[in-house]
Amino acid sequence: MDPGLFSSCSTSYLVLKRDQITNIRYRSVPLRCHSWSCPVCAKDKAEKYKVRMRPLFARENLHMYTFTYFHSKPEEEVWCEYQSAWNRLRTAIVKRFGTVHYCRVLESHKESNYPHLHVIMDKLVPPTWLNKELLSAGFGYQCDVKQVRDDQAGRYISKYLTKVWTNEKSAQIRRRLRLRIISFSAGVCTRLPGPSGWHLVGIESSMEGAIDKIKIDATWSEAIEGGETCTKEYSEYYETVFTYKEARNGT
């Protein structure tokens, strides 16, 4: 087996089992770290957010804003206050133009240790009013605005979420302060349905150990008596299906 097939950020693997009427299905999947600092997990989480954010992307009049901060204050002070600045700006927008639906992504500058925000919002805020409120809220004077389609919005979100933070000092500040990379308004991000019917058999330290666990557990099952076995290796998991010789009346 090629170990490269199962590249993982984790050293542990879950062994799952689903007992159905016609077969028993086993699956071994890596236990992920779910960190934005991990390129494997960041890509997976970004793709899921693209799907979850469809209620926002389906709305009309989508615009993407990029908000920066002045560099006159100490770096860490700006990171600590970035959330308060956004809350002040959002509150001002709602008071002036009504309810807005949005998604925002936090990012660091490459050349400096300061943050900036990418915001997709279902409202076009007049530039003259926005520039004035940006300064009052605590942002810098630079602001980029452009209209985006629903398909563009998803690509932009995925792009910014999977960007590698090459500025290590900014990354350390974000982790220490436990700042969220992505946040959104209520009702624009749905939950993805979780897997149903799967039961945990065990946790192993390697893919090979997980496969051995599947084989051991399967030997105690009636599924292998006269049935068929189908094994598949995917880039992220290993799956074995033991088919019963005859379908049972229940699970």
Protein backbone atom coordinates (compact mmCIF):
# COMPACT_ATOMS: atom_id res chain seq x y z
CA MET A 1 0.00 0.00 0.00
CA ASP A 2 1.23 3.47 -0.89
CA PRO A 3 1.36 5.56 2.33
CA GLY A 4 1.02 8.68 0.18
CA LEU A 5 -2.57 7.69 -0.60
CA PHE A 6 -3.52 8.46 2.95
CA SER A 7 -1.81 11.80 3.57
CA SER A 8 -3.17 13.19 6.82
CA CYS A 9 -2.55 15.90 9.38
CA SER A 10 -3.41 13.37 12.06
CA THR A 11 -1.70 10.35 13.55
CA SER A 12 -5.01 8.72 14.51
CA TYR A 13 -7.70 7.00 12.45
CA LEU A 14 -11.34 6.31 13.29
CA VAL A 15 -12.75 2.90 12.45
CA LEU A 16 -16.48 3.20 11.72
CA LYS A 17 -19.12 0.57 11.07
CA ARG A 18 -22.60 0.72 9.59
CA ASP A 19 -24.74 -2.41 9.73
CA GLN A 20 -27.38 -2.47 7.01
CA ILE A 21 -29.91 -4.98 5.75
CA THR A 22 -27.80 -6.21 2.84
CA ASN A 23 -24.26 -5.52 4.04
CA ILE A 24 -21.89 -4.33 6.71
CA ARG A 25 -19.85 -1.32 5.71
CA TYR A 26 -16.56 -0.38 7.39
CA ARG A 27 -14.70 2.85 6.89
CA SER A 28 -11.42 4.14 8.27
CA VAL A 29 -11.00 7.92 8.19
CA PRO A 30 -8.24 10.20 9.56
CA LEU A 31 -9.00 12.08 12.75
CA ARG A 32 -8.39 15.63 11.56
CA CYS A 33 -6.90 18.55 13.50
CA HIS A 34 -9.47 20.98 11.95
CA SER A 35 -6.99 23.85 12.18
CA TRP A 36 -6.91 26.71 9.67
CA SER A 37 -3.12 26.48 9.88
CA CYS A 38 -3.27 23.00 8.35
CA PRO A 39 -3.50 23.14 4.52
CA VAL A 40 -5.37 19.82 4.40
CA CYS A 41 -8.04 20.86 6.90
CA ALA A 42 -8.23 24.44 5.63
CA LYS A 43 -9.12 23.23 2.14
CA ASP A 44 -11.75 20.83 3.45
CA LYS A 45 -13.33 23.43 5.76
CA ALA A 46 -13.33 26.10 3.03
CA GLU A 47 -15.20 23.80 0.62
CA LYS A 48 -17.79 23.08 3.30
CA TYR A 49 -18.27 26.77 4.00
CA LYS A 50 -18.89 27.36 0.27
CA VAL A 51 -21.81 24.95 0.53
CA ARG A 52 -23.04 26.20 3.90
CA MET A 53 -23.02 29.86 2.77
CA ARG A 54 -25.39 29.28 -0.17
CA PRO A 55 -28.27 31.13 1.58
CA LEU A 56 -26.11 34.26 1.48
CA PHE A 57 -24.73 33.71 -2.02
CA ALA A 58 -28.27 33.24 -3.35
CA ARG A 59 -29.23 36.76 -2.29
CA GLU A 60 -29.22 39.68 -4.71
CA ASN A 61 -26.99 42.74 -4.77
CA LEU A 62 -23.90 41.02 -3.36
CA HIS A 63 -20.85 43.22 -2.89
CA MET A 64 -17.41 42.41 -1.57
CA TYR A 65 -15.61 44.92 0.63
CA THR A 66 -12.01 44.92 1.78
CA PHE A 67 -11.39 46.98 4.94
CA THR A 68 -7.92 47.89 6.18
CA TYR A 69 -6.61 49.35 9.44
CA PHE A 70 -4.26 52.23 10.15
CA HIS A 71 -0.71 51.19 10.99
CA SER A 72 -0.21 54.05 13.44
CA LYS A 73 -1.26 51.91 16.42
CA PRO A 74 0.77 49.01 17.83
CA GLU A 75 0.18 45.81 15.88
CA GLU A 76 -1.28 43.71 18.69
CA GLU A 77 -3.58 46.54 19.77
CA VAL A 78 -5.10 46.59 16.29
CA TRP A 79 -5.63 42.83 16.36
CA CYS A 80 -7.33 43.10 19.76
CA GLU A 81 -9.64 45.87 18.54
CA TYR A 82 -10.45 44.63 15.03
CA GLN A 83 -13.67 42.92 16.18
CA SER A 84 -14.89 46.06 17.98
CA ALA A 85 -14.20 48.15 14.88
CA TRP A 86 -16.28 45.79 12.74
CA ASN A 87 -19.12 45.78 15.28
CA ARG A 88 -19.22 49.59 15.26
CA LEU A 89 -19.27 49.71 11.46
CA ARG A 90 -21.92 47.00 11.15
CA THR A 91 -24.13 48.72 13.72
CA ALA A 92 -23.85 52.02 11.84
CA ILE A 93 -24.75 50.34 8.53
CA VAL A 94 -27.81 48.64 10.02
CA LYS A 95 -29.03 51.87 11.63
CA ARG A 96 -28.67 53.78 8.36
CA PHE A 97 -29.65 51.19 5.73
CA GLY A 98 -31.48 48.41 7.55
CA THR A 99 -30.67 44.73 8.08
CA VAL A 100 -27.69 43.32 6.22
CA HIS A 101 -26.56 39.75 5.69
CA TYR A 102 -22.85 39.17 5.51
CA CYS A 103 -19.86 36.87 5.77
CA ARG A 104 -16.43 38.18 6.73
CA VAL A 105 -12.96 36.63 6.57
CA LEU A 106 -9.97 37.81 8.59
CA GLU A 107 -6.59 37.96 6.86
CA SER A 108 -3.11 39.32 7.54
CA HIS A 109 -1.04 41.57 5.31
CA LYS A 110 2.00 39.92 3.78
CA GLU A 111 4.27 42.94 4.19
CA SER A 112 3.16 43.96 7.68
CA ASN A 113 1.80 42.45 10.89
CA TYR A 114 -1.60 44.14 10.57
CA PRO A 115 -4.98 42.57 9.73
CA HIS A 116 -7.59 43.40 7.12
CA LEU A 117 -11.13 42.14 6.49
CA HIS A 118 -12.89 40.76 3.43
CA VAL A 119 -16.66 41.13 3.74
CA ILE A 120 -19.36 39.88 1.37
CA MET A 121 -22.61 41.73 2.04
CA ASP A 122 -26.01 41.90 0.35
CA LYS A 123 -26.03 45.68 0.23
CA LEU A 124 -24.18 48.44 -1.57
CA VAL A 125 -23.17 51.11 0.93
CA PRO A 126 -22.61 54.57 -0.63
CA PRO A 127 -18.84 55.22 -0.75
CA THR A 128 -19.01 58.77 0.65
CA TRP A 129 -20.96 57.64 3.68
CA LEU A 130 -18.86 54.48 4.09
CA ASN A 131 -15.51 56.29 4.03
CA LYS A 132 -16.62 58.59 6.83
CA GLU A 133 -17.95 55.74 8.97
CA LEU A 134 -14.84 53.63 8.42
CA LEU A 135 -12.67 56.23 10.12
CA SER A 136 -15.17 56.65 12.95
CA ALA A 137 -15.33 52.90 13.53
CA GLY A 138 -11.54 52.49 13.68
CA PHE A 139 -10.64 51.32 10.17
CA GLY A 140 -8.14 52.87 7.78
CA TYR A 141 -9.07 55.02 4.83
CA GLN A 142 -8.39 52.35 2.18
CA CYS A 143 -11.50 50.43 1.12
CA ASP A 144 -12.11 48.36 -1.98
CA VAL A 145 -15.68 47.59 -3.14
CA LYS A 146 -16.90 45.51 -6.07
CA GLN A 147 -20.08 43.69 -7.02
CA VAL A 148 -19.90 39.90 -7.19
CA ARG A 149 -22.11 37.11 -8.51
CA ASP A 150 -23.13 34.14 -6.40
CA ASP A 151 -20.54 31.83 -7.99
CA GLN A 152 -17.81 34.44 -7.55
CA ALA A 153 -18.70 34.89 -3.89
CA GLY A 154 -18.10 31.20 -3.18
CA ARG A 155 -14.75 31.25 -4.94
CA TYR A 156 -13.63 34.36 -3.08
CA ILE A 157 -14.54 32.85 0.29
CA SER A 158 -12.66 29.64 -0.52
CA LYS A 159 -9.67 31.62 -1.80
CA TYR A 160 -9.27 33.73 1.33
CA LEU A 161 -9.92 30.85 3.73
CA THR A 162 -7.22 28.67 2.17
CA LYS A 163 -4.55 31.36 1.92
CA VAL A 164 -1.41 30.42 3.82
CA TRP A 165 -0.48 32.98 6.46
CA THR A 166 3.15 33.55 5.53
CA ASN A 167 3.41 36.29 8.16
CA GLU A 168 4.24 34.12 11.17
CA LYS A 169 3.98 36.92 13.73
CA SER A 170 0.41 37.70 12.66
CA ALA A 171 -0.44 34.01 12.75
CA GLN A 172 0.93 33.73 16.28
CA ILE A 173 -1.07 36.76 17.43
CA ARG A 174 -4.28 35.32 15.94
CA ARG A 175 -3.76 31.96 17.60
CA ARG A 176 -2.87 33.50 20.95
CA LEU A 177 -5.94 35.75 20.91
CA ARG A 178 -8.08 32.90 19.51
CA LEU A 179 -9.56 35.09 16.79
CA ARG A 180 -12.05 33.56 14.38
CA ILE A 181 -11.02 33.59 10.73
CA ILE A 182 -14.61 33.48 9.44
CA SER A 183 -17.85 34.79 10.91
CA PHE A 184 -21.26 35.62 9.50
CA SER A 185 -24.67 37.05 10.30
CA ALA A 186 -27.49 34.86 11.58
CA GLY A 187 -29.35 32.75 9.06
CA VAL A 188 -26.82 32.77 6.21
CA CYS A 189 -24.84 29.65 7.12
CA THR A 190 -26.58 26.29 7.21
CA ARG A 191 -25.44 23.11 8.94
CA LEU A 192 -24.34 20.20 6.82
CA PRO A 193 -26.04 16.88 7.60
CA GLY A 194 -23.80 14.53 9.52
CA PRO A 195 -23.29 10.85 8.71
CA SER A 196 -26.09 8.65 10.02
CA GLY A 197 -26.00 5.05 11.12
CA TRP A 198 -22.23 4.90 11.67
CA HIS A 199 -20.87 3.49 14.93
CA LEU A 200 -17.35 3.81 16.31
CA VAL A 201 -15.44 0.52 16.39
CA GLY A 202 -12.12 1.94 17.56
CA ILE A 203 -9.31 4.45 17.12
CA GLU A 204 -5.97 3.35 15.74
CA SER A 205 -2.62 5.13 15.40
CA SER A 206 -2.11 4.22 11.72
CA MET A 207 -4.09 3.39 8.61
CA GLU A 208 -2.60 -0.11 8.61
CA GLY A 209 -3.78 -0.59 12.20
CA ALA A 210 -7.25 0.61 11.26
CA ILE A 211 -7.41 -1.86 8.37
CA ASP A 212 -6.36 -4.70 10.70
CA LYS A 213 -9.08 -3.60 13.13
CA ILE A 214 -11.65 -3.85 10.35
CA LYS A 215 -10.50 -7.34 9.41
CA ILE A 216 -10.59 -8.54 13.03
CA ASP A 217 -14.05 -7.11 13.64
CA ALA A 218 -15.34 -8.54 10.38
CA THR A 219 -14.29 -12.11 11.24
CA TRP A 220 -16.90 -12.11 13.99
CA SER A 221 -19.63 -11.18 11.55
CA GLU A 222 -21.94 -13.43 9.59
CA ALA A 223 -21.37 -11.11 6.64
CA ILE A 224 -18.32 -13.03 5.46
CA GLU A 225 -20.12 -16.36 5.39
CA GLY A 226 -20.94 -16.88 1.74
CA GLY A 227 -21.10 -13.19 0.93
CA GLU A 228 -18.94 -10.90 -1.16
CA THR A 229 -16.22 -8.50 -0.10
CA CYS A 230 -15.45 -5.19 -1.80
CA THR A 231 -12.49 -3.10 -0.69
CA LYS A 232 -11.62 0.37 -1.93
CA GLU A 233 -8.78 2.74 -1.13
CA TYR A 234 -9.49 6.44 -1.52
CA SER A 235 -7.20 9.42 -1.08
CA GLU A 236 -8.62 10.13 2.36
CA TYR A 237 -10.07 6.86 3.63
CA TYR A 238 -10.24 3.09 3.32
CA GLU A 239 -13.59 1.32 2.91
CA THR A 240 -14.60 -2.32 3.00
CA VAL A 241 -18.09 -3.65 2.34
CA PHE A 242 -19.07 -7.19 3.37
CA THR A 243 -22.26 -8.21 1.57
CA TYR A 244 -24.60 -10.75 3.14
CA LYS A 245 -25.37 -13.87 1.17
CA GLU A 246 -29.06 -13.22 1.78
CA ALA A 247 -30.71 -10.00 2.86
CA ARG A 248 -31.86 -9.98 6.47
CA ASN A 249 -35.26 -8.89 7.77
CA GLY A 250 -33.80 -6.12 9.90
CA THR A 251 -30.63 -4.19 10.65
